[in-house]
Amino acid sequence: MTVSLLGEAAFAGFPNLPAEQQRARVERFDKYESSLIAHVSAAAQEAARATMRAEA
C-alpha cells in the first residue's frame, strides 16, 4: 500500500488505532490529497490561460 505524505501524518497522529482504522484514515487523506492536487492543478492551468490571454 502506498502511503502519501499527508497519509503518513495521519498515521503518526493516531498510533494506537487498530490497523484497519489507520488504513481507512490514510485512504480518506489520500482521497483528499488527490482532490486537492487536482483542484490546485486546475487553478494553476486557469491562471496560466488568463496570463496568456492578458499578454496576447
N, C-alpha and C. Protein backbone atom coordinates (compact mmCIF):
# COMPACT_ATOMS: atom_id res chain seq x y z
N MET A 1 0.85 -1.18 0.00
CA MET A 1 0.00 0.00 0.00
C MET A 1 0.89 1.24 0.00
N THR A 2 0.62 2.16 -0.88
CA THR A 2 1.36 3.41 -0.94
C THR A 2 0.75 4.38 0.07
N VAL A 3 1.59 4.98 0.87
CA VAL A 3 1.13 5.95 1.85
C VAL A 3 1.67 7.31 1.46
N SER A 4 0.78 8.27 1.28
CA SER A 4 1.20 9.62 0.91
C SER A 4 1.80 10.33 2.11
N LEU A 5 2.39 11.49 1.85
CA LEU A 5 2.95 12.28 2.95
C LEU A 5 1.85 12.69 3.92
N LEU A 6 0.71 13.11 3.38
CA LEU A 6 -0.40 13.50 4.24
C LEU A 6 -0.91 12.28 5.00
N GLY A 7 -0.94 11.14 4.34
CA GLY A 7 -1.36 9.90 4.99
C GLY A 7 -0.42 9.51 6.11
N GLU A 8 0.87 9.71 5.89
CA GLU A 8 1.84 9.40 6.94
C GLU A 8 1.60 10.28 8.16
N ALA A 9 1.24 11.52 7.93
CA ALA A 9 0.94 12.42 9.05
C ALA A 9 -0.28 11.91 9.81
N ALA A 10 -1.26 11.39 9.07
CA ALA A 10 -2.45 10.83 9.73
C ALA A 10 -2.07 9.62 10.58
N PHE A 11 -1.16 8.78 10.07
CA PHE A 11 -0.68 7.63 10.84
C PHE A 11 0.00 8.09 12.12
N ALA A 12 0.89 9.05 11.99
CA ALA A 12 1.69 9.50 13.12
C ALA A 12 0.84 10.08 14.24
N GLY A 13 -0.28 10.70 13.87
CA GLY A 13 -1.12 11.36 14.87
C GLY A 13 -1.94 10.40 15.72
N PHE A 14 -2.15 9.17 15.22
CA PHE A 14 -3.01 8.23 15.93
C PHE A 14 -2.36 6.85 15.97
N PRO A 15 -1.26 6.70 16.70
CA PRO A 15 -0.52 5.43 16.67
C PRO A 15 -1.26 4.27 17.32
N ASN A 16 -2.28 4.54 18.15
CA ASN A 16 -2.94 3.46 18.88
C ASN A 16 -4.20 2.94 18.20
N LEU A 17 -4.55 3.49 17.04
CA LEU A 17 -5.73 2.99 16.33
C LEU A 17 -5.43 1.60 15.77
N PRO A 18 -6.45 0.74 15.73
CA PRO A 18 -6.26 -0.56 15.07
C PRO A 18 -5.85 -0.35 13.61
N ALA A 19 -5.12 -1.33 13.06
CA ALA A 19 -4.58 -1.21 11.70
C ALA A 19 -5.66 -0.89 10.68
N GLU A 20 -6.83 -1.52 10.79
CA GLU A 20 -7.89 -1.28 9.81
C GLU A 20 -8.37 0.18 9.86
N GLN A 21 -8.49 0.73 11.06
CA GLN A 21 -8.90 2.13 11.19
C GLN A 21 -7.80 3.06 10.68
N GLN A 22 -6.55 2.69 10.92
CA GLN A 22 -5.45 3.51 10.40
C GLN A 22 -5.47 3.52 8.87
N ARG A 23 -5.68 2.33 8.27
CA ARG A 23 -5.75 2.25 6.80
C ARG A 23 -6.90 3.09 6.26
N ALA A 24 -8.06 3.01 6.90
CA ALA A 24 -9.22 3.78 6.45
C ALA A 24 -8.92 5.28 6.54
N ARG A 25 -8.26 5.67 7.61
CA ARG A 25 -7.92 7.09 7.79
C ARG A 25 -6.95 7.55 6.70
N VAL A 26 -5.94 6.74 6.41
CA VAL A 26 -4.97 7.08 5.37
C VAL A 26 -5.66 7.15 4.01
N GLU A 27 -6.56 6.22 3.74
CA GLU A 27 -7.28 6.24 2.46
C GLU A 27 -8.09 7.52 2.31
N ARG A 28 -8.75 7.95 3.38
CA ARG A 28 -9.51 9.21 3.32
C ARG A 28 -8.58 10.39 3.04
N PHE A 29 -7.45 10.42 3.72
CA PHE A 29 -6.49 11.51 3.48
C PHE A 29 -5.94 11.46 2.07
N ASP A 30 -5.68 10.24 1.55
CA ASP A 30 -5.19 10.10 0.18
C ASP A 30 -6.19 10.66 -0.81
N LYS A 31 -7.49 10.37 -0.59
CA LYS A 31 -8.53 10.90 -1.49
C LYS A 31 -8.57 12.42 -1.40
N TYR A 32 -8.50 12.95 -0.18
CA TYR A 32 -8.49 14.40 0.00
C TYR A 32 -7.28 15.02 -0.69
N GLU A 33 -6.12 14.39 -0.50
CA GLU A 33 -4.89 14.91 -1.10
C GLU A 33 -4.98 14.91 -2.62
N SER A 34 -5.49 13.83 -3.20
CA SER A 34 -5.65 13.75 -4.66
C SER A 34 -6.60 14.83 -5.16
N SER A 35 -7.70 15.03 -4.44
CA SER A 35 -8.67 16.05 -4.81
C SER A 35 -8.04 17.44 -4.74
N LEU A 36 -7.28 17.69 -3.69
CA LEU A 36 -6.62 18.98 -3.52
C LEU A 36 -5.61 19.23 -4.64
N ILE A 37 -4.83 18.21 -4.99
CA ILE A 37 -3.85 18.34 -6.07
C ILE A 37 -4.55 18.66 -7.38
N ALA A 38 -5.66 17.97 -7.67
CA ALA A 38 -6.40 18.22 -8.90
C ALA A 38 -6.94 19.64 -8.92
N HIS A 39 -7.45 20.11 -7.79
CA HIS A 39 -8.00 21.47 -7.70
C HIS A 39 -6.91 22.51 -7.93
N VAL A 40 -5.77 22.34 -7.28
CA VAL A 40 -4.66 23.29 -7.42
C VAL A 40 -4.14 23.27 -8.85
N SER A 41 -4.05 22.09 -9.44
CA SER A 41 -3.58 21.98 -10.82
C SER A 41 -4.53 22.71 -11.77
N ALA A 42 -5.83 22.53 -11.59
CA ALA A 42 -6.81 23.20 -12.44
C ALA A 42 -6.72 24.72 -12.26
N ALA A 43 -6.55 25.17 -11.04
CA ALA A 43 -6.43 26.61 -10.78
C ALA A 43 -5.16 27.17 -11.43
N ALA A 44 -4.07 26.42 -11.36
CA ALA A 44 -2.82 26.87 -11.98
C ALA A 44 -2.96 26.94 -13.50
N GLN A 45 -3.63 25.96 -14.08
CA GLN A 45 -3.85 25.97 -15.53
C GLN A 45 -4.70 27.16 -15.94
N GLU A 46 -5.74 27.45 -15.17
CA GLU A 46 -6.60 28.59 -15.49
C GLU A 46 -5.83 29.90 -15.35
N ALA A 47 -4.98 30.01 -14.33
CA ALA A 47 -4.17 31.21 -14.16
C ALA A 47 -3.21 31.38 -15.33
N ALA A 48 -2.63 30.29 -15.81
CA ALA A 48 -1.73 30.35 -16.96
C ALA A 48 -2.48 30.81 -18.21
N ARG A 49 -3.71 30.28 -18.39
CA ARG A 49 -4.52 30.70 -19.55
C ARG A 49 -4.85 32.18 -19.46
N ALA A 50 -5.21 32.64 -18.28
CA ALA A 50 -5.55 34.06 -18.10
C ALA A 50 -4.34 34.94 -18.39
N THR A 51 -3.17 34.51 -17.97
CA THR A 51 -1.94 35.26 -18.23
C THR A 51 -1.67 35.32 -19.73
N MET A 52 -1.84 34.19 -20.41
CA MET A 52 -1.61 34.15 -21.86
C MET A 52 -2.60 35.07 -22.58
N ARG A 53 -3.86 35.07 -22.13
CA ARG A 53 -4.87 35.96 -22.76
C ARG A 53 -4.51 37.42 -22.53
N ALA A 54 -4.04 37.73 -21.32
CA ALA A 54 -3.70 39.11 -20.99
C ALA A 54 -2.50 39.59 -21.80
N GLU A 55 -1.57 38.68 -22.08
CA GLU A 55 -0.37 39.05 -22.83
C GLU A 55 -0.61 39.09 -24.34
N ALA A 56 -1.71 38.50 -24.80
CA ALA A 56 -1.98 38.44 -26.25
C ALA A 56 -2.43 39.78 -26.80
